[in-house]
Amino acid sequence: MKKLTIVEGSSGEIIEDIEFSGGYNIQYASNEDSGRIQKVTRLDNAKFDEKHWIKNLIYRPICFKLVSRFEELKYIKPDKILFLEDTYWKPTGGKKSWIARIKATNNELYSVTGYEYIIETREYYTEKMSKEQVVALMYHELRHIDSDGTLKDHDIEDWSNMVATLGKDWAETKANIADILDDEFLWDELRKAGRQVSIYDYIGRDKK
């Protein structure tokens, strides 16, 4: 259990005294910096809306490890990403559907929380994935963030290292893929798939 207490500095009067077990998102303003709103965000697992749960506690540590390990991700700040998981969605038919996606936050959400991006996943898929698959999924989504902060489209040639490693069935339940966070894993020592396929050949394909 955590406790948040706000005390009036001169009198010692307790203004707020809150006990809670989850994370927190605090905003405050000070006359010393022209009233600019400051943010302290430590959200982990909590209900975001009727369909989504905040999963920062699960996915953020993975992203910090990925950023630390891979040079192509060095400029990314995982603490600026809000991780949401749709716990409600189920497939309806045989059409392709996404497993995870990233988008920039709008001005309103950014001004309230300080998050610059949202990575949204679907529990229907992620609960069936191995640890290695989830790590690969997060790497894939982080690669959408360009060095100038904008989001870039899929670039299969640029991500050929990932394609060669994972093969067409990388998103299949408990697929046997390499752990890219393994200390001995190197992109230039890949186990080639039978053909050079797009990682989108399979991702999100609902089975009838």
N, C-alpha and C. Protein backbone atom coordinates (compact mmCIF):
# COMPACT_ATOMS: atom_id res chain seq x y z
N MET A 1 0.84 -1.19 0.00
CA MET A 1 0.00 0.00 0.00
C MET A 1 0.88 1.25 0.00
N LYS A 2 0.51 2.24 -0.83
CA LYS A 2 1.23 3.50 -0.90
C LYS A 2 0.36 4.60 -0.32
N LYS A 3 1.00 5.70 0.04
CA LYS A 3 0.28 6.82 0.64
C LYS A 3 0.77 8.12 0.05
N LEU A 4 -0.16 8.94 -0.37
CA LEU A 4 0.16 10.26 -0.90
C LEU A 4 -0.42 11.31 0.04
N THR A 5 0.47 12.10 0.62
CA THR A 5 0.04 13.14 1.56
C THR A 5 0.54 14.49 1.07
N ILE A 6 -0.38 15.45 0.95
CA ILE A 6 -0.04 16.81 0.56
C ILE A 6 -0.24 17.71 1.78
N VAL A 7 0.84 18.39 2.16
CA VAL A 7 0.82 19.20 3.39
C VAL A 7 1.07 20.66 3.05
N GLU A 8 0.31 21.55 3.64
CA GLU A 8 0.55 23.00 3.48
C GLU A 8 1.84 23.34 4.21
N GLY A 9 2.80 23.93 3.47
CA GLY A 9 4.16 24.08 3.97
C GLY A 9 4.29 24.86 5.25
N SER A 10 3.59 25.96 5.38
CA SER A 10 3.80 26.83 6.54
C SER A 10 3.05 26.36 7.78
N SER A 11 1.83 25.84 7.61
CA SER A 11 1.02 25.45 8.76
C SER A 11 1.12 23.97 9.09
N GLY A 12 1.54 23.15 8.11
CA GLY A 12 1.58 21.72 8.34
C GLY A 12 0.23 21.04 8.18
N GLU A 13 -0.78 21.80 7.76
CA GLU A 13 -2.12 21.23 7.58
C GLU A 13 -2.11 20.21 6.43
N ILE A 14 -2.72 19.05 6.68
CA ILE A 14 -2.83 18.02 5.65
C ILE A 14 -4.00 18.37 4.72
N ILE A 15 -3.67 18.57 3.45
CA ILE A 15 -4.69 18.94 2.46
C ILE A 15 -5.26 17.71 1.77
N GLU A 16 -4.38 16.76 1.44
CA GLU A 16 -4.80 15.50 0.84
C GLU A 16 -4.07 14.37 1.55
N ASP A 17 -4.77 13.27 1.79
CA ASP A 17 -4.16 12.11 2.43
C ASP A 17 -4.80 10.86 1.79
N ILE A 18 -4.10 10.30 0.80
CA ILE A 18 -4.69 9.25 -0.03
C ILE A 18 -3.86 7.98 0.06
N GLU A 19 -4.53 6.86 0.28
CA GLU A 19 -3.87 5.56 0.24
C GLU A 19 -4.27 4.85 -1.06
N PHE A 20 -3.30 4.19 -1.71
CA PHE A 20 -3.59 3.52 -2.97
C PHE A 20 -2.56 2.41 -3.18
N SER A 21 -2.89 1.48 -4.07
CA SER A 21 -2.01 0.34 -4.31
C SER A 21 -1.39 0.36 -5.70
N GLY A 22 -1.92 1.18 -6.60
CA GLY A 22 -1.41 1.21 -7.98
C GLY A 22 -0.44 2.36 -8.19
N GLY A 23 -0.40 2.84 -9.44
CA GLY A 23 0.50 3.93 -9.78
C GLY A 23 -0.17 5.28 -9.57
N TYR A 24 0.48 6.33 -10.03
CA TYR A 24 -0.06 7.67 -9.84
C TYR A 24 0.39 8.59 -10.97
N ASN A 25 -0.39 9.63 -11.18
CA ASN A 25 -0.08 10.65 -12.18
C ASN A 25 -0.37 12.00 -11.53
N ILE A 26 0.68 12.71 -11.17
CA ILE A 26 0.54 13.97 -10.43
C ILE A 26 0.89 15.14 -11.33
N GLN A 27 0.07 16.16 -11.27
CA GLN A 27 0.37 17.42 -11.96
C GLN A 27 0.41 18.54 -10.92
N TYR A 28 1.35 19.43 -11.10
CA TYR A 28 1.42 20.56 -10.16
C TYR A 28 1.99 21.78 -10.87
N ALA A 29 1.67 22.94 -10.35
CA ALA A 29 2.14 24.20 -10.93
C ALA A 29 2.80 25.04 -9.83
N SER A 30 3.75 25.86 -10.25
CA SER A 30 4.47 26.71 -9.31
C SER A 30 4.61 28.11 -9.89
N ASN A 31 4.45 29.10 -9.05
CA ASN A 31 4.59 30.49 -9.50
C ASN A 31 6.01 30.81 -9.94
N GLU A 32 6.98 30.00 -9.46
CA GLU A 32 8.38 30.26 -9.80
C GLU A 32 8.69 29.99 -11.27
N ASP A 33 7.87 29.18 -11.94
CA ASP A 33 8.14 28.90 -13.35
C ASP A 33 6.94 29.31 -14.22
N SER A 34 6.36 30.46 -13.89
CA SER A 34 5.26 31.06 -14.66
C SER A 34 4.02 30.18 -14.73
N GLY A 35 3.83 29.35 -13.71
CA GLY A 35 2.62 28.54 -13.64
C GLY A 35 2.62 27.34 -14.56
N ARG A 36 3.76 27.02 -15.15
CA ARG A 36 3.83 25.87 -16.06
C ARG A 36 3.52 24.58 -15.32
N ILE A 37 2.65 23.75 -15.91
CA ILE A 37 2.25 22.50 -15.27
C ILE A 37 3.37 21.47 -15.38
N GLN A 38 3.78 20.95 -14.24
CA GLN A 38 4.78 19.87 -14.18
C GLN A 38 4.06 18.54 -13.97
N LYS A 39 4.69 17.44 -14.41
CA LYS A 39 4.05 16.13 -14.32
C LYS A 39 4.99 15.13 -13.68
N VAL A 40 4.45 14.31 -12.80
CA VAL A 40 5.15 13.17 -12.24
C VAL A 40 4.27 11.96 -12.49
N THR A 41 4.68 11.09 -13.40
CA THR A 41 3.83 9.97 -13.80
C THR A 41 4.48 8.65 -13.45
N ARG A 42 3.80 7.85 -12.65
CA ARG A 42 4.27 6.52 -12.27
C ARG A 42 3.09 5.55 -12.36
N LEU A 43 2.50 5.48 -13.53
CA LEU A 43 1.38 4.55 -13.73
C LEU A 43 1.93 3.17 -14.06
N ASP A 44 1.30 2.13 -13.51
CA ASP A 44 1.75 0.78 -13.84
C ASP A 44 0.59 -0.03 -14.40
N ASN A 45 -0.12 -0.78 -13.57
CA ASN A 45 -1.27 -1.54 -14.04
C ASN A 45 -2.54 -0.94 -13.45
N ALA A 46 -3.42 -0.44 -14.31
CA ALA A 46 -4.68 0.15 -13.86
C ALA A 46 -5.67 0.15 -15.02
N LYS A 47 -6.92 0.25 -14.72
CA LYS A 47 -7.94 0.29 -15.76
C LYS A 47 -7.95 1.68 -16.39
N PHE A 48 -7.82 1.73 -17.72
CA PHE A 48 -7.78 3.00 -18.44
C PHE A 48 -9.17 3.42 -18.89
N ASP A 49 -9.92 2.48 -19.45
CA ASP A 49 -11.31 2.71 -19.82
C ASP A 49 -12.01 1.36 -19.81
N GLU A 50 -13.20 1.27 -20.39
CA GLU A 50 -13.96 0.03 -20.32
C GLU A 50 -13.29 -1.13 -21.05
N LYS A 51 -12.42 -0.84 -22.02
CA LYS A 51 -11.80 -1.90 -22.81
C LYS A 51 -10.31 -2.09 -22.51
N HIS A 52 -9.65 -1.07 -22.00
CA HIS A 52 -8.19 -1.09 -21.93
C HIS A 52 -7.67 -1.03 -20.49
N TRP A 53 -6.57 -1.74 -20.29
CA TRP A 53 -5.82 -1.66 -19.05
C TRP A 53 -4.44 -1.11 -19.34
N ILE A 54 -3.93 -0.30 -18.43
CA ILE A 54 -2.56 0.19 -18.52
C ILE A 54 -1.62 -0.95 -18.14
N LYS A 55 -0.65 -1.25 -19.01
CA LYS A 55 0.27 -2.36 -18.80
C LYS A 55 1.72 -1.88 -18.77
N ASN A 56 1.95 -0.68 -18.24
CA ASN A 56 3.31 -0.15 -18.16
C ASN A 56 4.24 -1.08 -17.37
N LEU A 57 3.72 -1.68 -16.32
CA LEU A 57 4.54 -2.52 -15.46
C LEU A 57 5.07 -3.74 -16.20
N ILE A 58 4.35 -4.19 -17.22
CA ILE A 58 4.74 -5.38 -17.96
C ILE A 58 5.65 -5.05 -19.14
N TYR A 59 5.24 -4.08 -19.96
CA TYR A 59 5.93 -3.85 -21.23
C TYR A 59 7.06 -2.82 -21.14
N ARG A 60 6.97 -1.88 -20.23
CA ARG A 60 8.01 -0.85 -20.16
C ARG A 60 9.38 -1.42 -19.82
N PRO A 61 9.52 -2.32 -18.83
CA PRO A 61 10.85 -2.87 -18.56
C PRO A 61 11.47 -3.58 -19.76
N ILE A 62 10.64 -4.26 -20.56
CA ILE A 62 11.14 -4.90 -21.77
C ILE A 62 11.71 -3.87 -22.73
N CYS A 63 10.98 -2.75 -22.88
CA CYS A 63 11.43 -1.71 -23.81
C CYS A 63 12.71 -1.04 -23.32
N PHE A 64 12.86 -0.85 -22.02
CA PHE A 64 14.11 -0.30 -21.50
C PHE A 64 15.28 -1.22 -21.83
N LYS A 65 15.08 -2.53 -21.72
CA LYS A 65 16.14 -3.48 -22.05
C LYS A 65 16.47 -3.43 -23.54
N LEU A 66 15.45 -3.31 -24.37
CA LEU A 66 15.67 -3.24 -25.82
C LEU A 66 16.44 -1.98 -26.20
N VAL A 67 16.06 -0.86 -25.62
CA VAL A 67 16.74 0.41 -25.91
C VAL A 67 18.20 0.35 -25.46
N SER A 68 18.43 -0.29 -24.33
CA SER A 68 19.79 -0.40 -23.82
C SER A 68 20.65 -1.31 -24.69
N ARG A 69 20.04 -2.30 -25.31
CA ARG A 69 20.80 -3.31 -26.06
C ARG A 69 21.05 -2.92 -27.51
N PHE A 70 20.09 -2.27 -28.17
CA PHE A 70 20.17 -2.06 -29.61
C PHE A 70 20.43 -0.60 -29.96
N GLU A 71 21.48 -0.38 -30.71
CA GLU A 71 21.90 0.97 -31.08
C GLU A 71 20.81 1.71 -31.84
N GLU A 72 20.05 1.01 -32.67
CA GLU A 72 19.03 1.65 -33.49
C GLU A 72 17.84 2.16 -32.67
N LEU A 73 17.82 1.86 -31.36
CA LEU A 73 16.73 2.31 -30.49
C LEU A 73 17.20 3.32 -29.44
N LYS A 74 18.46 3.72 -29.48
CA LYS A 74 19.07 4.48 -28.38
C LYS A 74 18.34 5.78 -28.07
N TYR A 75 17.74 6.41 -29.06
CA TYR A 75 17.12 7.72 -28.85
C TYR A 75 15.71 7.63 -28.26
N ILE A 76 15.17 6.43 -28.09
CA ILE A 76 13.79 6.25 -27.62
C ILE A 76 13.74 6.28 -26.09
N LYS A 77 12.71 6.92 -25.56
CA LYS A 77 12.51 7.02 -24.11
C LYS A 77 11.24 6.26 -23.73
N PRO A 78 11.38 5.02 -23.25
CA PRO A 78 10.20 4.22 -22.93
C PRO A 78 9.28 4.83 -21.88
N ASP A 79 9.83 5.70 -21.01
CA ASP A 79 8.97 6.31 -20.00
C ASP A 79 8.05 7.36 -20.59
N LYS A 80 8.19 7.66 -21.88
CA LYS A 80 7.29 8.57 -22.57
C LYS A 80 6.21 7.81 -23.35
N ILE A 81 6.16 6.49 -23.14
CA ILE A 81 5.19 5.64 -23.85
C ILE A 81 4.17 5.10 -22.85
N LEU A 82 2.91 5.21 -23.19
CA LEU A 82 1.83 4.61 -22.41
C LEU A 82 1.47 3.28 -23.07
N PHE A 83 1.52 2.21 -22.30
CA PHE A 83 1.23 0.88 -22.82
C PHE A 83 -0.18 0.48 -22.42
N LEU A 84 -1.04 0.34 -23.41
CA LEU A 84 -2.43 -0.04 -23.17
C LEU A 84 -2.71 -1.40 -23.79
N GLU A 85 -3.49 -2.21 -23.11
CA GLU A 85 -3.88 -3.51 -23.68
C GLU A 85 -5.40 -3.61 -23.72
N ASP A 86 -5.90 -3.96 -24.90
CA ASP A 86 -7.33 -4.17 -25.09
C ASP A 86 -7.66 -5.57 -24.57
N THR A 87 -8.39 -5.65 -23.48
CA THR A 87 -8.73 -6.93 -22.87
C THR A 87 -10.11 -7.41 -23.31
N TYR A 88 -10.75 -6.68 -24.20
CA TYR A 88 -12.12 -6.95 -24.61
C TYR A 88 -12.20 -7.57 -26.00
N TRP A 89 -11.31 -7.15 -26.91
CA TRP A 89 -11.41 -7.52 -28.33
C TRP A 89 -11.28 -9.02 -28.55
N LYS A 90 -12.12 -9.54 -29.46
CA LYS A 90 -12.04 -10.91 -29.94
C LYS A 90 -12.20 -10.88 -31.46
N PRO A 91 -11.60 -11.82 -32.20
CA PRO A 91 -11.71 -11.82 -33.66
C PRO A 91 -13.13 -12.13 -34.11
N THR A 92 -13.51 -11.51 -35.22
CA THR A 92 -14.83 -11.75 -35.80
C THR A 92 -14.66 -12.04 -37.28
N GLY A 93 -14.38 -13.27 -37.62
CA GLY A 93 -14.17 -13.61 -39.02
C GLY A 93 -12.72 -13.92 -39.31
N GLY A 94 -12.40 -14.09 -40.60
CA GLY A 94 -11.07 -14.52 -40.98
C GLY A 94 -10.17 -13.44 -41.53
N LYS A 95 -10.57 -12.18 -41.44
CA LYS A 95 -9.74 -11.12 -42.00
C LYS A 95 -8.53 -10.83 -41.11
N LYS A 96 -7.50 -10.26 -41.70
CA LYS A 96 -6.30 -9.91 -40.95
C LYS A 96 -6.61 -8.83 -39.92
N SER A 97 -5.92 -8.89 -38.82
CA SER A 97 -6.11 -7.90 -37.79
C SER A 97 -4.79 -7.67 -37.07
N TRP A 98 -4.61 -6.48 -36.55
CA TRP A 98 -3.34 -6.16 -35.92
C TRP A 98 -3.26 -6.74 -34.51
N ILE A 99 -2.04 -7.05 -34.10
CA ILE A 99 -1.76 -7.54 -32.76
C ILE A 99 -1.36 -6.38 -31.84
N ALA A 100 -0.55 -5.47 -32.38
CA ALA A 100 -0.09 -4.30 -31.64
C ALA A 100 0.07 -3.15 -32.61
N ARG A 101 -0.05 -1.94 -32.09
CA ARG A 101 0.14 -0.76 -32.92
C ARG A 101 0.62 0.39 -32.04
N ILE A 102 1.28 1.34 -32.67
CA ILE A 102 1.77 2.52 -31.95
C ILE A 102 1.20 3.77 -32.59
N LYS A 103 0.89 4.75 -31.79
CA LYS A 103 0.40 6.03 -32.30
C LYS A 103 0.87 7.15 -31.38
N ALA A 104 0.93 8.34 -31.93
CA ALA A 104 1.28 9.51 -31.12
C ALA A 104 0.06 9.94 -30.32
N THR A 105 0.28 10.43 -29.11
CA THR A 105 -0.83 10.92 -28.31
C THR A 105 -1.30 12.27 -28.85
N ASN A 106 -2.56 12.59 -28.61
CA ASN A 106 -3.05 13.91 -29.00
C ASN A 106 -2.60 14.94 -27.97
N ASN A 107 -2.80 16.19 -28.29
CA ASN A 107 -2.31 17.28 -27.43
C ASN A 107 -2.92 17.24 -26.04
N GLU A 108 -4.20 16.83 -25.97
CA GLU A 108 -4.88 16.82 -24.68
C GLU A 108 -4.29 15.76 -23.75
N LEU A 109 -4.11 14.55 -24.28
CA LEU A 109 -3.55 13.50 -23.44
C LEU A 109 -2.11 13.80 -23.06
N TYR A 110 -1.35 14.36 -24.01
CA TYR A 110 0.03 14.71 -23.70
C TYR A 110 0.11 15.77 -22.60
N SER A 111 -0.76 16.77 -22.68
CA SER A 111 -0.72 17.85 -21.69
C SER A 111 -1.11 17.36 -20.30
N VAL A 112 -1.94 16.33 -20.23
CA VAL A 112 -2.38 15.81 -18.93
C VAL A 112 -1.38 14.80 -18.36
N THR A 113 -0.84 13.93 -19.20
CA THR A 113 -0.02 12.83 -18.70
C THR A 113 1.46 12.93 -19.02
N GLY A 114 1.82 13.65 -20.10
CA GLY A 114 3.22 13.71 -20.50
C GLY A 114 3.64 12.58 -21.42
N TYR A 115 2.74 11.66 -21.71
CA TYR A 115 3.08 10.57 -22.63
C TYR A 115 3.05 11.07 -24.08
N GLU A 116 4.06 10.67 -24.85
CA GLU A 116 4.16 11.10 -26.24
C GLU A 116 3.61 10.06 -27.21
N TYR A 117 3.61 8.80 -26.79
CA TYR A 117 3.14 7.72 -27.66
C TYR A 117 2.29 6.74 -26.86
N ILE A 118 1.47 5.99 -27.59
CA ILE A 118 0.72 4.87 -27.01
C ILE A 118 1.05 3.62 -27.81
N ILE A 119 1.48 2.57 -27.14
CA ILE A 119 1.57 1.26 -27.76
C ILE A 119 0.39 0.45 -27.25
N GLU A 120 -0.48 0.07 -28.16
CA GLU A 120 -1.69 -0.68 -27.81
C GLU A 120 -1.54 -2.12 -28.28
N THR A 121 -1.82 -3.06 -27.39
CA THR A 121 -1.77 -4.48 -27.71
C THR A 121 -3.15 -5.09 -27.49
N ARG A 122 -3.34 -6.27 -28.03
CA ARG A 122 -4.59 -7.00 -27.83
C ARG A 122 -4.30 -8.26 -27.02
N GLU A 123 -4.95 -8.36 -25.87
CA GLU A 123 -4.71 -9.48 -24.96
C GLU A 123 -5.03 -10.82 -25.62
N TYR A 124 -5.99 -10.84 -26.52
CA TYR A 124 -6.35 -12.07 -27.21
C TYR A 124 -5.11 -12.73 -27.83
N TYR A 125 -4.19 -11.91 -28.35
CA TYR A 125 -2.97 -12.43 -28.96
C TYR A 125 -1.84 -12.55 -27.94
N THR A 126 -1.62 -11.52 -27.14
CA THR A 126 -0.44 -11.51 -26.29
C THR A 126 -0.47 -12.59 -25.21
N GLU A 127 -1.67 -12.96 -24.74
CA GLU A 127 -1.73 -13.98 -23.69
C GLU A 127 -1.31 -15.35 -24.22
N LYS A 128 -1.29 -15.51 -25.55
CA LYS A 128 -0.89 -16.77 -26.16
C LYS A 128 0.59 -16.77 -26.57
N MET A 129 1.25 -15.63 -26.43
CA MET A 129 2.62 -15.50 -26.91
C MET A 129 3.64 -15.93 -25.85
N SER A 130 4.77 -16.42 -26.34
CA SER A 130 5.89 -16.70 -25.45
C SER A 130 6.59 -15.40 -25.09
N LYS A 131 7.47 -15.46 -24.12
CA LYS A 131 8.24 -14.27 -23.73
C LYS A 131 9.02 -13.72 -24.92
N GLU A 132 9.63 -14.63 -25.70
CA GLU A 132 10.43 -14.21 -26.85
C GLU A 132 9.59 -13.47 -27.88
N GLN A 133 8.36 -13.92 -28.07
CA GLN A 133 7.48 -13.26 -29.03
C GLN A 133 7.08 -11.86 -28.56
N VAL A 134 6.80 -11.72 -27.28
CA VAL A 134 6.42 -10.41 -26.73
C VAL A 134 7.59 -9.44 -26.86
N VAL A 135 8.80 -9.90 -26.59
CA VAL A 135 9.99 -9.05 -26.74
C VAL A 135 10.12 -8.59 -28.18
N ALA A 136 9.96 -9.52 -29.13
CA ALA A 136 10.05 -9.17 -30.55
C ALA A 136 8.95 -8.19 -30.94
N LEU A 137 7.77 -8.37 -30.39
CA LEU A 137 6.65 -7.47 -30.69
C LEU A 137 6.96 -6.05 -30.24
N MET A 138 7.54 -5.91 -29.05
CA MET A 138 7.88 -4.58 -28.54
C MET A 138 8.99 -3.96 -29.38
N TYR A 139 9.98 -4.75 -29.76
CA TYR A 139 11.05 -4.24 -30.63
C TYR A 139 10.45 -3.70 -31.92
N HIS A 140 9.57 -4.48 -32.50
CA HIS A 140 8.94 -4.09 -33.76
C HIS A 140 8.20 -2.76 -33.64
N GLU A 141 7.45 -2.58 -32.55
CA GLU A 141 6.71 -1.33 -32.37
C GLU A 141 7.64 -0.15 -32.11
N LEU A 142 8.70 -0.36 -31.36
CA LEU A 142 9.65 0.72 -31.10
C LEU A 142 10.32 1.20 -32.38
N ARG A 143 10.52 0.30 -33.34
CA ARG A 143 11.16 0.68 -34.59
C ARG A 143 10.34 1.67 -35.41
N HIS A 144 9.07 1.82 -35.06
CA HIS A 144 8.24 2.81 -35.74
C HIS A 144 8.60 4.24 -35.34
N ILE A 145 9.26 4.41 -34.20
CA ILE A 145 9.62 5.76 -33.72
C ILE A 145 10.90 6.20 -34.40
N ASP A 146 10.84 7.25 -35.18
CA ASP A 146 12.02 7.74 -35.89
C ASP A 146 12.84 8.64 -34.98
N SER A 147 14.06 8.93 -35.39
CA SER A 147 14.98 9.72 -34.55
C SER A 147 14.51 11.15 -34.34
N ASP A 148 13.63 11.64 -35.24
CA ASP A 148 13.10 13.00 -35.07
C ASP A 148 11.80 13.03 -34.28
N GLY A 149 11.39 11.88 -33.76
CA GLY A 149 10.18 11.81 -32.96
C GLY A 149 8.92 11.47 -33.73
N THR A 150 8.98 11.51 -35.05
CA THR A 150 7.81 11.16 -35.85
C THR A 150 7.69 9.63 -35.93
N LEU A 151 6.53 9.17 -36.39
CA LEU A 151 6.31 7.75 -36.57
C LEU A 151 6.49 7.39 -38.03
N LYS A 152 7.22 6.34 -38.30
CA LYS A 152 7.47 5.93 -39.68
C LYS A 152 6.70 4.66 -40.00
N ASP A 153 6.43 4.48 -41.29
CA ASP A 153 5.70 3.31 -41.75
C ASP A 153 6.60 2.09 -41.75
N HIS A 154 6.02 0.94 -42.05
CA HIS A 154 6.79 -0.29 -42.13
C HIS A 154 7.84 -0.19 -43.23
N ASP A 155 9.04 -0.60 -42.92
CA ASP A 155 10.13 -0.60 -43.88
C ASP A 155 10.82 -1.96 -43.80
N ILE A 156 10.36 -2.89 -44.64
CA ILE A 156 10.85 -4.26 -44.54
C ILE A 156 12.34 -4.35 -44.84
N GLU A 157 12.83 -3.57 -45.80
CA GLU A 157 14.26 -3.63 -46.11
C GLU A 157 15.08 -3.18 -44.91
N ASP A 158 14.62 -2.13 -44.25
CA ASP A 158 15.34 -1.61 -43.10
C ASP A 158 15.33 -2.61 -41.95
N TRP A 159 14.27 -3.43 -41.85
CA TRP A 159 14.13 -4.38 -40.75
C TRP A 159 14.43 -5.80 -41.20
N SER A 160 15.26 -5.95 -42.23
CA SER A 160 15.52 -7.28 -42.77
C SER A 160 16.15 -8.20 -41.73
N ASN A 161 16.88 -7.63 -40.77
CA ASN A 161 17.46 -8.46 -39.72
C ASN A 161 16.37 -9.19 -38.93
N MET A 162 15.29 -8.50 -38.63
CA MET A 162 14.19 -9.10 -37.88
C MET A 162 13.45 -10.13 -38.72
N VAL A 163 13.26 -9.82 -39.99
CA VAL A 163 12.56 -10.72 -40.90
C VAL A 163 13.31 -12.05 -40.99
N ALA A 164 14.62 -11.98 -41.18
CA ALA A 164 15.42 -13.18 -41.32
C ALA A 164 15.41 -14.02 -40.05
N THR A 165 15.33 -13.37 -38.92
CA THR A 165 15.37 -14.08 -37.65
C THR A 165 14.06 -14.81 -37.36
N LEU A 166 12.95 -14.14 -37.56
CA LEU A 166 11.69 -14.64 -37.03
C LEU A 166 10.90 -15.51 -37.99
N GLY A 167 11.00 -15.27 -39.28
CA GLY A 167 10.26 -16.08 -40.22
C GLY A 167 8.77 -15.76 -40.22
N LYS A 168 8.04 -16.50 -41.03
CA LYS A 168 6.64 -16.13 -41.27
C LYS A 168 5.72 -16.45 -40.09
N ASP A 169 6.09 -17.39 -39.23
CA ASP A 169 5.19 -17.81 -38.16
C ASP A 169 5.59 -17.24 -36.80
N TRP A 170 6.25 -16.09 -36.79
CA TRP A 170 6.77 -15.58 -35.52
C TRP A 170 5.66 -15.25 -34.53
N ALA A 171 4.46 -14.95 -35.01
CA ALA A 171 3.37 -14.58 -34.11
C ALA A 171 2.50 -15.76 -33.73
N GLU A 172 2.82 -16.95 -34.23
CA GLU A 172 2.01 -18.12 -33.92
C GLU A 172 2.21 -18.53 -32.47
N THR A 173 1.19 -19.12 -31.89
CA THR A 173 1.23 -19.50 -30.48
C THR A 173 2.47 -20.31 -30.15
N LYS A 174 3.24 -19.81 -29.18
CA LYS A 174 4.46 -20.46 -28.71
C LYS A 174 5.44 -20.80 -29.82
N ALA A 175 5.50 -19.94 -30.82
CA ALA A 175 6.45 -20.17 -31.91
C ALA A 175 7.87 -20.18 -31.34
N ASN A 176 8.71 -21.02 -31.90
CA ASN A 176 10.08 -21.15 -31.43
C ASN A 176 10.95 -20.13 -32.15
N ILE A 177 11.12 -18.98 -31.55
CA ILE A 177 11.93 -17.94 -32.16
C ILE A 177 13.06 -17.56 -31.22
N ALA A 178 14.05 -16.86 -31.76
CA ALA A 178 15.20 -16.45 -30.95
C ALA A 178 14.80 -15.37 -29.96
N ASP A 179 15.48 -15.37 -28.83
CA ASP A 179 15.29 -14.31 -27.83
C ASP A 179 16.29 -13.20 -28.15
N ILE A 180 15.81 -12.09 -28.66
CA ILE A 180 16.72 -11.03 -29.10
C ILE A 180 17.38 -10.30 -27.94
N LEU A 181 16.92 -10.59 -26.71
CA LEU A 181 17.57 -10.01 -25.53
C LEU A 181 18.61 -10.95 -24.92
N ASP A 182 18.76 -12.12 -25.52
CA ASP A 182 19.77 -13.06 -25.04
C ASP A 182 21.15 -12.43 -25.20
N ASP A 183 22.00 -12.59 -24.20
CA ASP A 183 23.34 -11.99 -24.22
C ASP A 183 24.16 -12.44 -25.42
N GLU A 184 23.88 -13.64 -25.94
CA GLU A 184 24.68 -14.17 -27.03
C GLU A 184 24.02 -13.99 -28.39
N PHE A 185 22.89 -13.30 -28.40
CA PHE A 185 22.20 -13.09 -29.67
C PHE A 185 22.87 -11.96 -30.45
N LEU A 186 23.10 -12.20 -31.74
CA LEU A 186 23.64 -11.18 -32.64
C LEU A 186 22.84 -11.21 -33.93
N TRP A 187 22.52 -10.00 -34.45
CA TRP A 187 21.75 -9.94 -35.69
C TRP A 187 22.49 -10.61 -36.86
N ASP A 188 23.81 -10.60 -36.84
CA ASP A 188 24.54 -11.14 -37.98
C ASP A 188 24.81 -12.64 -37.86
N GLU A 189 24.21 -13.29 -36.88
CA GLU A 189 24.31 -14.74 -36.77
C GLU A 189 22.92 -15.34 -36.70
N LEU A 190 22.13 -15.06 -37.74
CA LEU A 190 20.73 -15.42 -37.73
C LEU A 190 20.47 -16.80 -38.29
N ARG A 191 19.44 -17.43 -37.73
CA ARG A 191 18.95 -18.68 -38.29
C ARG A 191 17.94 -18.31 -39.36
N LYS A 192 18.33 -18.44 -40.63
CA LYS A 192 17.51 -17.98 -41.74
C LYS A 192 16.25 -18.82 -41.87
N ALA A 193 15.16 -18.14 -42.19
CA ALA A 193 13.92 -18.86 -42.49
C ALA A 193 14.04 -19.46 -43.89
N GLY A 194 13.07 -20.30 -44.24
CA GLY A 194 13.11 -20.96 -45.53
C GLY A 194 13.09 -19.98 -46.69
N ARG A 195 12.47 -18.84 -46.50
CA ARG A 195 12.48 -17.81 -47.52
C ARG A 195 12.47 -16.46 -46.80
N GLN A 196 12.84 -15.42 -47.49
CA GLN A 196 12.90 -14.08 -46.90
C GLN A 196 11.50 -13.48 -46.97
N VAL A 197 10.72 -13.67 -45.88
CA VAL A 197 9.33 -13.24 -45.91
C VAL A 197 9.15 -12.00 -45.05
N SER A 198 8.03 -11.36 -45.29
CA SER A 198 7.66 -10.21 -44.47
C SER A 198 7.11 -10.69 -43.14
N ILE A 199 7.42 -10.00 -42.06
CA ILE A 199 6.84 -10.37 -40.79
C ILE A 199 5.35 -10.12 -40.78
N TYR A 200 4.84 -9.44 -41.80
CA TYR A 200 3.41 -9.18 -41.88
C TYR A 200 2.68 -10.27 -42.66
N ASP A 201 3.41 -11.30 -43.13
CA ASP A 201 2.73 -12.40 -43.81
C ASP A 201 1.78 -13.11 -42.87
N TYR A 202 2.12 -13.10 -41.58
CA TYR A 202 1.30 -13.86 -40.63
C TYR A 202 0.64 -12.98 -39.59
N ILE A 203 1.27 -11.93 -39.19
CA ILE A 203 0.83 -11.17 -38.03
C ILE A 203 -0.63 -10.76 -38.16
N GLY A 204 -1.39 -11.11 -37.14
CA GLY A 204 -2.78 -10.69 -37.06
C GLY A 204 -3.72 -11.49 -37.93
N ARG A 205 -3.29 -12.60 -38.54
CA ARG A 205 -4.19 -13.37 -39.39
C ARG A 205 -5.07 -14.24 -38.50
N ASP A 206 -6.35 -13.96 -38.47
CA ASP A 206 -7.25 -14.72 -37.63
C ASP A 206 -7.55 -16.07 -38.25
N LYS A 207 -7.50 -17.10 -37.45
CA LYS A 207 -7.78 -18.44 -37.94
C LYS A 207 -9.27 -18.72 -37.88
N LYS A 208 -9.79 -19.37 -38.92
CA LYS A 208 -11.19 -19.73 -38.94
C LYS A 208 -11.39 -21.00 -38.10
